[in-house]
Full PDB file with SEQRES, HELIX, SHEET, SSBOND, CRYST1, ORIGX, SCALE, CONECT and MASTER records, all heavy atoms in Angstrom:
SEQRES   1 A   35  VAL LEU ASP TYR ALA PHE GLN LYS TRP GLN PHE GLU GLN          
SEQRES   2 A   35  LYS LEU LYS MET THR LYS GLN GLU VAL LYS GLU GLU LEU          
SEQRES   3 A   35  LYS GLN SER GLU GLY ASP PRO LEU VAL                          
HELIX    1 AA1 LEU A    2  LEU A   15  1                                  14    
HELIX    2 AA2 LYS A   19  GLU A   30  1                                  12    
CRYST1    1.000    1.000    1.000  90.00  90.00  90.00 P 1           1          
ORIGX1      1.000000  0.000000  0.000000        0.00000                         
ORIGX2      0.000000  1.000000  0.000000        0.00000                         
ORIGX3      0.000000  0.000000  1.000000        0.00000                         
SCALE1      1.000000  0.000000  0.000000        0.00000                         
SCALE2      0.000000  1.000000  0.000000        0.00000                         
SCALE3      0.000000  0.000000  1.000000        0.00000                         
ATOM      1  N   VAL A   1     -10.272  27.612  14.244  1.00  0.00           N  
ATOM      2  CA  VAL A   1     -10.481  26.245  14.740  1.00  0.00           C  
ATOM      3  C   VAL A   1      -9.863  25.232  13.778  1.00  0.00           C  
ATOM      4  O   VAL A   1      -9.172  24.284  14.199  1.00  0.00           O  
ATOM      5  CB  VAL A   1     -11.983  25.973  14.930  1.00  0.00           C  
ATOM      6  CG1 VAL A   1     -12.226  24.513  15.277  1.00  0.00           C  
ATOM      7  CG2 VAL A   1     -12.552  26.866  16.032  1.00  0.00           C  
ATOM      8  N   LEU A   2     -10.094  25.445  12.472  1.00  0.00           N  
ATOM      9  CA  LEU A   2      -9.506  24.535  11.485  1.00  0.00           C  
ATOM     10  C   LEU A   2      -7.979  24.603  11.512  1.00  0.00           C  
ATOM     11  O   LEU A   2      -7.299  23.578  11.428  1.00  0.00           O  
ATOM     12  CB  LEU A   2     -10.017  24.881  10.088  1.00  0.00           C  
ATOM     13  CG  LEU A   2     -11.505  24.618   9.804  1.00  0.00           C  
ATOM     14  CD1 LEU A   2     -11.843  25.026   8.374  1.00  0.00           C  
ATOM     15  CD2 LEU A   2     -11.848  23.153  10.046  1.00  0.00           C  
ATOM     16  N   ASP A   3      -7.441  25.815  11.618  1.00  0.00           N  
ATOM     17  CA  ASP A   3      -5.988  25.976  11.649  1.00  0.00           C  
ATOM     18  C   ASP A   3      -5.398  25.352  12.904  1.00  0.00           C  
ATOM     19  O   ASP A   3      -4.311  24.752  12.856  1.00  0.00           O  
ATOM     20  CB  ASP A   3      -5.643  27.461  11.588  1.00  0.00           C  
ATOM     21  CG  ASP A   3      -4.151  27.686  11.406  1.00  0.00           C  
ATOM     22  OD1 ASP A   3      -3.552  27.030  10.539  1.00  0.00           O  
ATOM     23  OD2 ASP A   3      -3.581  28.498  12.158  1.00  0.00           O  
ATOM     24  N   TYR A   4      -6.086  25.465  14.025  1.00  0.00           N  
ATOM     25  CA  TYR A   4      -5.612  24.844  15.267  1.00  0.00           C  
ATOM     26  C   TYR A   4      -5.563  23.323  15.125  1.00  0.00           C  
ATOM     27  O   TYR A   4      -4.581  22.681  15.530  1.00  0.00           O  
ATOM     28  CB  TYR A   4      -6.534  25.233  16.417  1.00  0.00           C  
ATOM     29  CG  TYR A   4      -6.200  24.539  17.716  1.00  0.00           C  
ATOM     30  CD1 TYR A   4      -5.137  24.970  18.498  1.00  0.00           C  
ATOM     31  CD2 TYR A   4      -6.938  23.441  18.148  1.00  0.00           C  
ATOM     32  CE1 TYR A   4      -4.818  24.327  19.696  1.00  0.00           C  
ATOM     33  CE2 TYR A   4      -6.633  22.799  19.328  1.00  0.00           C  
ATOM     34  CZ  TYR A   4      -5.576  23.245  20.099  1.00  0.00           C  
ATOM     35  OH  TYR A   4      -5.271  22.594  21.271  1.00  0.00           O  
ATOM     36  N   ALA A   5      -6.614  22.743  14.535  1.00  0.00           N  
ATOM     37  CA  ALA A   5      -6.629  21.289  14.330  1.00  0.00           C  
ATOM     38  C   ALA A   5      -5.501  20.865  13.385  1.00  0.00           C  
ATOM     39  O   ALA A   5      -4.831  19.848  13.610  1.00  0.00           O  
ATOM     40  CB  ALA A   5      -7.980  20.854  13.772  1.00  0.00           C  
ATOM     41  N   PHE A   6      -5.268  21.675  12.336  1.00  0.00           N  
ATOM     42  CA  PHE A   6      -4.200  21.345  11.386  1.00  0.00           C  
ATOM     43  C   PHE A   6      -2.834  21.457  12.041  1.00  0.00           C  
ATOM     44  O   PHE A   6      -1.958  20.602  11.833  1.00  0.00           O  
ATOM     45  CB  PHE A   6      -4.289  22.269  10.177  1.00  0.00           C  
ATOM     46  CG  PHE A   6      -3.150  22.102   9.215  1.00  0.00           C  
ATOM     47  CD1 PHE A   6      -3.113  21.023   8.347  1.00  0.00           C  
ATOM     48  CD2 PHE A   6      -2.101  23.026   9.175  1.00  0.00           C  
ATOM     49  CE1 PHE A   6      -2.052  20.853   7.462  1.00  0.00           C  
ATOM     50  CE2 PHE A   6      -1.052  22.862   8.306  1.00  0.00           C  
ATOM     51  CZ  PHE A   6      -1.026  21.778   7.444  1.00  0.00           C  
ATOM     52  N   GLN A   7      -2.613  22.516  12.831  1.00  0.00           N  
ATOM     53  CA  GLN A   7      -1.331  22.694  13.508  1.00  0.00           C  
ATOM     54  C   GLN A   7      -1.067  21.552  14.492  1.00  0.00           C  
ATOM     55  O   GLN A   7       0.069  21.066  14.614  1.00  0.00           O  
ATOM     56  CB  GLN A   7      -1.313  24.041  14.254  1.00  0.00           C  
ATOM     57  CG  GLN A   7      -1.358  25.252  13.347  1.00  0.00           C  
ATOM     58  CD  GLN A   7      -0.051  25.504  12.630  1.00  0.00           C  
ATOM     59  OE1 GLN A   7       0.965  24.915  12.960  1.00  0.00           O  
ATOM     60  NE2 GLN A   7      -0.069  26.381  11.638  1.00  0.00           N  
ATOM     61  N   LYS A   8      -2.101  21.114  15.200  1.00  0.00           N  
ATOM     62  CA  LYS A   8      -1.945  20.006  16.143  1.00  0.00           C  
ATOM     63  C   LYS A   8      -1.582  18.722  15.411  1.00  0.00           C  
ATOM     64  O   LYS A   8      -0.693  17.975  15.828  1.00  0.00           O  
ATOM     65  CB  LYS A   8      -3.233  19.818  16.939  1.00  0.00           C  
ATOM     66  CG  LYS A   8      -3.139  18.743  18.008  1.00  0.00           C  
ATOM     67  CD  LYS A   8      -4.441  18.628  18.783  1.00  0.00           C  
ATOM     68  CE  LYS A   8      -4.332  17.536  19.848  1.00  0.00           C  
ATOM     69  NZ  LYS A   8      -5.603  17.383  20.596  1.00  0.00           N  
ATOM     70  N   TRP A   9      -2.275  18.460  14.291  1.00  0.00           N  
ATOM     71  CA  TRP A   9      -1.977  17.254  13.499  1.00  0.00           C  
ATOM     72  C   TRP A   9      -0.562  17.325  12.941  1.00  0.00           C  
ATOM     73  O   TRP A   9       0.175  16.330  12.961  1.00  0.00           O  
ATOM     74  CB  TRP A   9      -2.978  17.136  12.360  1.00  0.00           C  
ATOM     75  CG  TRP A   9      -2.667  16.026  11.409  1.00  0.00           C  
ATOM     76  CD1 TRP A   9      -2.981  14.709  11.546  1.00  0.00           C  
ATOM     77  CD2 TRP A   9      -1.949  16.145  10.160  1.00  0.00           C  
ATOM     78  NE1 TRP A   9      -2.516  13.997  10.473  1.00  0.00           N  
ATOM     79  CE2 TRP A   9      -1.875  14.841   9.614  1.00  0.00           C  
ATOM     80  CE3 TRP A   9      -1.388  17.201   9.471  1.00  0.00           C  
ATOM     81  CZ2 TRP A   9      -1.249  14.587   8.397  1.00  0.00           C  
ATOM     82  CZ3 TRP A   9      -0.754  16.958   8.263  1.00  0.00           C  
ATOM     83  CH2 TRP A   9      -0.699  15.661   7.737  1.00  0.00           C  
ATOM     84  N   GLN A  10      -0.148  18.486  12.452  1.00  0.00           N  
ATOM     85  CA  GLN A  10       1.195  18.650  11.894  1.00  0.00           C  
ATOM     86  C   GLN A  10       2.259  18.452  12.974  1.00  0.00           C  
ATOM     87  O   GLN A  10       3.299  17.828  12.735  1.00  0.00           O  
ATOM     88  CB  GLN A  10       1.321  20.032  11.268  1.00  0.00           C  
ATOM     89  CG  GLN A  10       2.572  20.228  10.428  1.00  0.00           C  
ATOM     90  CD  GLN A  10       2.602  21.595   9.783  1.00  0.00           C  
ATOM     91  OE1 GLN A  10       2.277  22.594  10.420  1.00  0.00           O  
ATOM     92  NE2 GLN A  10       2.982  21.661   8.522  1.00  0.00           N  
ATOM     93  N   PHE A  11       1.986  18.971  14.176  1.00  0.00           N  
ATOM     94  CA  PHE A  11       2.930  18.810  15.276  1.00  0.00           C  
ATOM     95  C   PHE A  11       3.079  17.340  15.655  1.00  0.00           C  
ATOM     96  O   PHE A  11       4.192  16.852  15.909  1.00  0.00           O  
ATOM     97  CB  PHE A  11       2.455  19.625  16.473  1.00  0.00           C  
ATOM     98  CG  PHE A  11       3.339  19.518  17.682  1.00  0.00           C  
ATOM     99  CD1 PHE A  11       4.576  20.136  17.709  1.00  0.00           C  
ATOM    100  CD2 PHE A  11       2.937  18.785  18.785  1.00  0.00           C  
ATOM    101  CE1 PHE A  11       5.395  20.036  18.820  1.00  0.00           C  
ATOM    102  CE2 PHE A  11       3.743  18.677  19.898  1.00  0.00           C  
ATOM    103  CZ  PHE A  11       4.977  19.302  19.909  1.00  0.00           C  
ATOM    104  N   GLU A  12       1.973  16.606  15.697  1.00  0.00           N  
ATOM    105  CA  GLU A  12       2.024  15.180  16.024  1.00  0.00           C  
ATOM    106  C   GLU A  12       2.770  14.403  14.952  1.00  0.00           C  
ATOM    107  O   GLU A  12       3.494  13.441  15.259  1.00  0.00           O  
ATOM    108  CB  GLU A  12       0.608  14.625  16.189  1.00  0.00           C  
ATOM    109  CG  GLU A  12      -0.113  15.165  17.422  1.00  0.00           C  
ATOM    110  CD  GLU A  12      -1.544  14.680  17.499  1.00  0.00           C  
ATOM    111  OE1 GLU A  12      -2.017  14.081  16.504  1.00  0.00           O  
ATOM    112  OE2 GLU A  12      -2.195  14.905  18.538  1.00  0.00           O  
ATOM    113  N   GLN A  13       2.614  14.792  13.688  1.00  0.00           N  
ATOM    114  CA  GLN A  13       3.333  14.119  12.608  1.00  0.00           C  
ATOM    115  C   GLN A  13       4.841  14.350  12.721  1.00  0.00           C  
ATOM    116  O   GLN A  13       5.633  13.446  12.446  1.00  0.00           O  
ATOM    117  CB  GLN A  13       2.835  14.625  11.247  1.00  0.00           C  
ATOM    118  CG  GLN A  13       1.407  14.237  10.930  1.00  0.00           C  
ATOM    119  CD  GLN A  13       1.195  12.736  10.862  1.00  0.00           C  
ATOM    120  OE1 GLN A  13       1.987  12.005  10.272  1.00  0.00           O  
ATOM    121  NE2 GLN A  13       0.115  12.275  11.470  1.00  0.00           N  
ATOM    122  N   LYS A  14       5.240  15.559  13.155  1.00  0.00           N  
ATOM    123  CA  LYS A  14       6.667  15.836  13.302  1.00  0.00           C  
ATOM    124  C   LYS A  14       7.278  15.037  14.443  1.00  0.00           C  
ATOM    125  O   LYS A  14       8.467  14.711  14.416  1.00  0.00           O  
ATOM    126  CB  LYS A  14       6.875  17.335  13.550  1.00  0.00           C  
ATOM    127  CG  LYS A  14       6.613  18.203  12.332  1.00  0.00           C  
ATOM    128  CD  LYS A  14       6.864  19.662  12.660  1.00  0.00           C  
ATOM    129  CE  LYS A  14       6.619  20.546  11.435  1.00  0.00           C  
ATOM    130  NZ  LYS A  14       6.853  21.978  11.726  1.00  0.00           N  
ATOM    131  N   LEU A  15       6.452  14.713  15.462  1.00  0.00           N  
ATOM    132  CA  LEU A  15       6.968  13.958  16.600  1.00  0.00           C  
ATOM    133  C   LEU A  15       7.187  12.488  16.266  1.00  0.00           C  
ATOM    134  O   LEU A  15       7.946  11.805  16.949  1.00  0.00           O  
ATOM    135  CB  LEU A  15       6.001  14.071  17.785  1.00  0.00           C  
ATOM    136  CG  LEU A  15       5.903  15.450  18.459  1.00  0.00           C  
ATOM    137  CD1 LEU A  15       4.895  15.397  19.589  1.00  0.00           C  
ATOM    138  CD2 LEU A  15       7.257  15.899  18.978  1.00  0.00           C  
ATOM    139  N   LYS A  16       6.503  11.987  15.225  1.00  0.00           N  
ATOM    140  CA  LYS A  16       6.645  10.575  14.872  1.00  0.00           C  
ATOM    141  C   LYS A  16       8.037  10.304  14.317  1.00  0.00           C  
ATOM    142  O   LYS A  16       8.596  11.107  13.572  1.00  0.00           O  
ATOM    143  CB  LYS A  16       5.586  10.174  13.838  1.00  0.00           C  
ATOM    144  CG  LYS A  16       4.160  10.188  14.383  1.00  0.00           C  
ATOM    145  CD  LYS A  16       3.169   9.748  13.326  1.00  0.00           C  
ATOM    146  CE  LYS A  16       1.758   9.719  13.872  1.00  0.00           C  
ATOM    147  NZ  LYS A  16       0.769   9.305  12.844  1.00  0.00           N  
ATOM    148  N   MET A  17       8.577   9.151  14.682  1.00  0.00           N  
ATOM    149  CA  MET A  17       9.917   8.788  14.224  1.00  0.00           C  
ATOM    150  C   MET A  17       9.841   7.974  12.938  1.00  0.00           C  
ATOM    151  O   MET A  17       8.876   7.237  12.706  1.00  0.00           O  
ATOM    152  CB  MET A  17      10.627   7.963  15.310  1.00  0.00           C  
ATOM    153  CG  MET A  17      10.895   8.714  16.581  1.00  0.00           C  
ATOM    154  SD  MET A  17      11.911   7.770  17.754  1.00  0.00           S  
ATOM    155  CE  MET A  17      10.819   6.391  18.079  1.00  0.00           C  
ATOM    156  N   THR A  18      10.869   8.115  12.126  1.00  0.00           N  
ATOM    157  CA  THR A  18      10.980   7.305  10.919  1.00  0.00           C  
ATOM    158  C   THR A  18      11.432   5.882  11.285  1.00  0.00           C  
ATOM    159  O   THR A  18      11.812   5.612  12.424  1.00  0.00           O  
ATOM    160  CB  THR A  18      11.982   7.941   9.946  1.00  0.00           C  
ATOM    161  OG1 THR A  18      13.286   7.978  10.578  1.00  0.00           O  
ATOM    162  CG2 THR A  18      11.568   9.361   9.597  1.00  0.00           C  
ATOM    163  N   LYS A  19      11.379   4.992  10.319  1.00  0.00           N  
ATOM    164  CA  LYS A  19      11.804   3.612  10.559  1.00  0.00           C  
ATOM    165  C   LYS A  19      13.275   3.554  10.973  1.00  0.00           C  
ATOM    166  O   LYS A  19      13.647   2.762  11.843  1.00  0.00           O  
ATOM    167  CB  LYS A  19      11.576   2.773   9.293  1.00  0.00           C  
ATOM    168  CG  LYS A  19      10.107   2.574   8.948  1.00  0.00           C  
ATOM    169  CD  LYS A  19       9.959   1.682   7.729  1.00  0.00           C  
ATOM    170  CE  LYS A  19       8.484   1.444   7.411  1.00  0.00           C  
ATOM    171  NZ  LYS A  19       8.322   0.569   6.210  1.00  0.00           N  
ATOM    172  N   GLN A  20      14.100   4.388  10.338  1.00  0.00           N  
ATOM    173  CA  GLN A  20      15.526   4.400  10.682  1.00  0.00           C  
ATOM    174  C   GLN A  20      15.734   4.898  12.096  1.00  0.00           C  
ATOM    175  O   GLN A  20      16.570   4.364  12.842  1.00  0.00           O  
ATOM    176  CB  GLN A  20      16.285   5.292   9.690  1.00  0.00           C  
ATOM    177  CG  GLN A  20      17.794   5.299   9.902  1.00  0.00           C  
ATOM    178  CD  GLN A  20      18.412   3.921   9.711  1.00  0.00           C  
ATOM    179  OE1 GLN A  20      17.927   3.119   8.922  1.00  0.00           O  
ATOM    180  NE2 GLN A  20      19.492   3.644  10.416  1.00  0.00           N  
ATOM    181  N   GLU A  21      14.960   5.916  12.511  1.00  0.00           N  
ATOM    182  CA  GLU A  21      15.072   6.425  13.877  1.00  0.00           C  
ATOM    183  C   GLU A  21      14.629   5.379  14.898  1.00  0.00           C  
ATOM    184  O   GLU A  21      15.210   5.276  15.976  1.00  0.00           O  
ATOM    185  CB  GLU A  21      14.239   7.693  14.026  1.00  0.00           C  
ATOM    186  CG  GLU A  21      14.798   8.889  13.267  1.00  0.00           C  
ATOM    187  CD  GLU A  21      13.884  10.094  13.307  1.00  0.00           C  
ATOM    188  OE1 GLU A  21      12.683   9.916  13.608  1.00  0.00           O  
ATOM    189  OE2 GLU A  21      14.352  11.203  13.030  1.00  0.00           O  
ATOM    190  N   VAL A  22      13.586   4.606  14.543  1.00  0.00           N  
ATOM    191  CA  VAL A  22      13.136   3.535  15.440  1.00  0.00           C  
ATOM    192  C   VAL A  22      14.221   2.477  15.593  1.00  0.00           C  
ATOM    193  O   VAL A  22      14.484   1.979  16.696  1.00  0.00           O  
ATOM    194  CB  VAL A  22      11.833   2.902  14.909  1.00  0.00           C  
ATOM    195  CG1 VAL A  22      11.463   1.669  15.723  1.00  0.00           C  
ATOM    196  CG2 VAL A  22      10.692   3.908  14.963  1.00  0.00           C  
ATOM    197  N   LYS A  23      14.881   2.131  14.478  1.00  0.00           N  
ATOM    198  CA  LYS A  23      15.963   1.148  14.540  1.00  0.00           C  
ATOM    199  C   LYS A  23      17.113   1.654  15.402  1.00  0.00           C  
ATOM    200  O   LYS A  23      17.683   0.892  16.194  1.00  0.00           O  
ATOM    201  CB  LYS A  23      16.458   0.838  13.120  1.00  0.00           C  
ATOM    202  CG  LYS A  23      15.460   0.080  12.268  1.00  0.00           C  
ATOM    203  CD  LYS A  23      16.035  -0.188  10.884  1.00  0.00           C  
ATOM    204  CE  LYS A  23      15.033  -0.948  10.019  1.00  0.00           C  
ATOM    205  NZ  LYS A  23      15.569  -1.202   8.655  1.00  0.00           N  
ATOM    206  N   GLU A  24      17.459   2.937  15.228  1.00  0.00           N  
ATOM    207  CA  GLU A  24      18.559   3.494  16.020  1.00  0.00           C  
ATOM    208  C   GLU A  24      18.216   3.512  17.500  1.00  0.00           C  
ATOM    209  O   GLU A  24      19.069   3.233  18.351  1.00  0.00           O  
ATOM    210  CB  GLU A  24      18.879   4.916  15.532  1.00  0.00           C  
ATOM    211  CG  GLU A  24      19.462   4.994  14.131  1.00  0.00           C  
ATOM    212  CD  GLU A  24      20.803   4.288  14.027  1.00  0.00           C  
ATOM    213  OE1 GLU A  24      21.540   4.261  15.033  1.00  0.00           O  
ATOM    214  OE2 GLU A  24      21.119   3.767  12.938  1.00  0.00           O  
ATOM    215  N   GLU A  25      16.953   3.829  17.822  1.00  0.00           N  
ATOM    216  CA  GLU A  25      16.551   3.844  19.232  1.00  0.00           C  
ATOM    217  C   GLU A  25      16.594   2.443  19.826  1.00  0.00           C  
ATOM    218  O   GLU A  25      16.994   2.255  20.980  1.00  0.00           O  
ATOM    219  CB  GLU A  25      15.148   4.432  19.368  1.00  0.00           C  
ATOM    220  CG  GLU A  25      14.705   4.589  20.815  1.00  0.00           C  
ATOM    221  CD  GLU A  25      13.334   5.204  20.955  1.00  0.00           C  
ATOM    222  OE1 GLU A  25      12.651   5.361  19.917  1.00  0.00           O  
ATOM    223  OE2 GLU A  25      12.934   5.521  22.074  1.00  0.00           O  
ATOM    224  N   LEU A  26      16.165   1.445  19.042  1.00  0.00           N  
ATOM    225  CA  LEU A  26      16.229   0.066  19.526  1.00  0.00           C  
ATOM    226  C   LEU A  26      17.677  -0.360  19.773  1.00  0.00           C  
ATOM    227  O   LEU A  26      17.970  -1.065  20.744  1.00  0.00           O  
ATOM    228  CB  LEU A  26      15.555  -0.875  18.521  1.00  0.00           C  
ATOM    229  CG  LEU A  26      14.029  -0.802  18.442  1.00  0.00           C  
ATOM    230  CD1 LEU A  26      13.503  -1.695  17.331  1.00  0.00           C  
ATOM    231  CD2 LEU A  26      13.398  -1.205  19.768  1.00  0.00           C  
ATOM    232  N   LYS A  27      18.565   0.080  18.877  1.00  0.00           N  
ATOM    233  CA  LYS A  27      19.975  -0.256  19.061  1.00  0.00           C  
ATOM    234  C   LYS A  27      20.514   0.355  20.348  1.00  0.00           C  
ATOM    235  O   LYS A  27      21.283  -0.270  21.072  1.00  0.00           O  
ATOM    236  CB  LYS A  27      20.796   0.247  17.870  1.00  0.00           C  
ATOM    237  CG  LYS A  27      20.608  -0.572  16.601  1.00  0.00           C  
ATOM    238  CD  LYS A  27      21.495  -0.036  15.493  1.00  0.00           C  
ATOM    239  CE  LYS A  27      21.330  -0.853  14.217  1.00  0.00           C  
ATOM    240  NZ  LYS A  27      22.186  -0.341  13.113  1.00  0.00           N  
ATOM    241  N   GLN A  28      20.109   1.599  20.626  1.00  0.00           N  
ATOM    242  CA  GLN A  28      20.616   2.281  21.813  1.00  0.00           C  
ATOM    243  C   GLN A  28      20.020   1.712  23.096  1.00  0.00           C  
ATOM    244  O   GLN A  28      20.689   1.633  24.121  1.00  0.00           O  
ATOM    245  CB  GLN A  28      20.319   3.779  21.728  1.00  0.00           C  
ATOM    246  CG  GLN A  28      21.065   4.471  20.606  1.00  0.00           C  
ATOM    247  CD  GLN A  28      20.703   5.938  20.491  1.00  0.00           C  
ATOM    248  OE1 GLN A  28      19.899   6.455  21.257  1.00  0.00           O  
ATOM    249  NE2 GLN A  28      21.292   6.621  19.523  1.00  0.00           N  
ATOM    250  N   SER A  29      18.724   1.330  23.049  1.00  0.00           N  
ATOM    251  CA  SER A  29      18.066   0.856  24.262  1.00  0.00           C  
ATOM    252  C   SER A  29      18.300  -0.630  24.517  1.00  0.00           C  
ATOM    253  O   SER A  29      18.477  -1.055  25.662  1.00  0.00           O  
ATOM    254  CB  SER A  29      16.559   1.132  24.168  1.00  0.00           C  
ATOM    255  OG  SER A  29      15.989   0.451  23.060  1.00  0.00           O  
ATOM    256  N   GLU A  30      18.289  -1.429  23.464  1.00  0.00           N  
ATOM    257  CA  GLU A  30      18.408  -2.878  23.628  1.00  0.00           C  
ATOM    258  C   GLU A  30      19.723  -3.434  23.081  1.00  0.00           C  
ATOM    259  O   GLU A  30      20.032  -4.599  23.298  1.00  0.00           O  
ATOM    260  CB  GLU A  30      17.237  -3.577  22.931  1.00  0.00           C  
ATOM    261  CG  GLU A  30      15.870  -3.175  23.495  1.00  0.00           C  
ATOM    262  CD  GLU A  30      14.750  -3.905  22.802  1.00  0.00           C  
ATOM    263  OE1 GLU A  30      15.056  -4.754  21.934  1.00  0.00           O  
ATOM    264  OE2 GLU A  30      13.587  -3.652  23.121  1.00  0.00           O  
ATOM    265  N   GLY A  31      20.478  -2.619  22.361  1.00  0.00           N  
ATOM    266  CA  GLY A  31      21.718  -3.110  21.782  1.00  0.00           C  
ATOM    267  C   GLY A  31      21.535  -3.504  20.329  1.00  0.00           C  
ATOM    268  O   GLY A  31      20.429  -3.794  19.872  1.00  0.00           O  
ATOM    269  N   ASP A  32      22.624  -3.523  19.607  1.00  0.00           N  
ATOM    270  CA  ASP A  32      22.605  -3.896  18.201  1.00  0.00           C  
ATOM    271  C   ASP A  32      22.214  -5.365  18.058  1.00  0.00           C  
ATOM    272  O   ASP A  32      22.822  -6.236  18.691  1.00  0.00           O  
ATOM    273  CB  ASP A  32      23.995  -3.663  17.599  1.00  0.00           C  
ATOM    274  CG  ASP A  32      23.966  -3.712  16.078  1.00  0.00           C  
ATOM    275  OD1 ASP A  32      23.104  -4.416  15.532  1.00  0.00           O  
ATOM    276  OD2 ASP A  32      24.801  -3.045  15.452  1.00  0.00           O  
ATOM    277  N   PRO A  33      21.194  -5.686  17.231  1.00  0.00           N  
ATOM    278  CA  PRO A  33      20.792  -7.095  17.058  1.00  0.00           C  
ATOM    279  C   PRO A  33      21.929  -7.995  16.597  1.00  0.00           C  
ATOM    280  O   PRO A  33      22.013  -9.153  17.007  1.00  0.00           O  
ATOM    281  CB  PRO A  33      19.674  -7.012  15.999  1.00  0.00           C  
ATOM    282  CG  PRO A  33      19.139  -5.623  16.129  1.00  0.00           C  
ATOM    283  CD  PRO A  33      20.306  -4.772  16.512  1.00  0.00           C  
ATOM    284  N   LEU A  34      22.824  -7.479  15.746  1.00  0.00           N  
ATOM    285  CA  LEU A  34      23.945  -8.291  15.282  1.00  0.00           C  
ATOM    286  C   LEU A  34      24.904  -8.607  16.428  1.00  0.00           C  
ATOM    287  O   LEU A  34      25.392  -9.741  16.547  1.00  0.00           O  
ATOM    288  CB  LEU A  34      24.693  -7.563  14.164  1.00  0.00           C  
ATOM    289  CG  LEU A  34      23.894  -7.304  12.876  1.00  0.00           C  
ATOM    290  CD1 LEU A  34      24.716  -6.506  11.883  1.00  0.00           C  
ATOM    291  CD2 LEU A  34      23.455  -8.634  12.257  1.00  0.00           C  
ATOM    292  N   VAL A  35      25.128  -7.598  17.274  1.00  0.00           N  
ATOM    293  CA  VAL A  35      26.008  -7.825  18.428  1.00  0.00           C  
ATOM    294  C   VAL A  35      25.369  -8.805  19.399  1.00  0.00           C  
ATOM    295  O   VAL A  35      26.034  -9.704  19.933  1.00  0.00           O  
ATOM    296  CB  VAL A  35      26.316  -6.482  19.126  1.00  0.00           C  
ATOM    297  CG1 VAL A  35      27.132  -6.712  20.385  1.00  0.00           C  
ATOM    298  CG2 VAL A  35      27.054  -5.550  18.171  1.00  0.00           C  
TER     299      VAL A  35                                                      
MASTER        0    0    0    2    0    0    0    6  298    1    0    3          
END                                                                             
């Protein structure tokens, strides 16, 4: 049970994007802010 909870938490942490990834996604979806 403890290992299952840890694996789930670890999986959710891997799915989270870094700040740079968030910026890149915003650029792709909304366009480059400078442009």
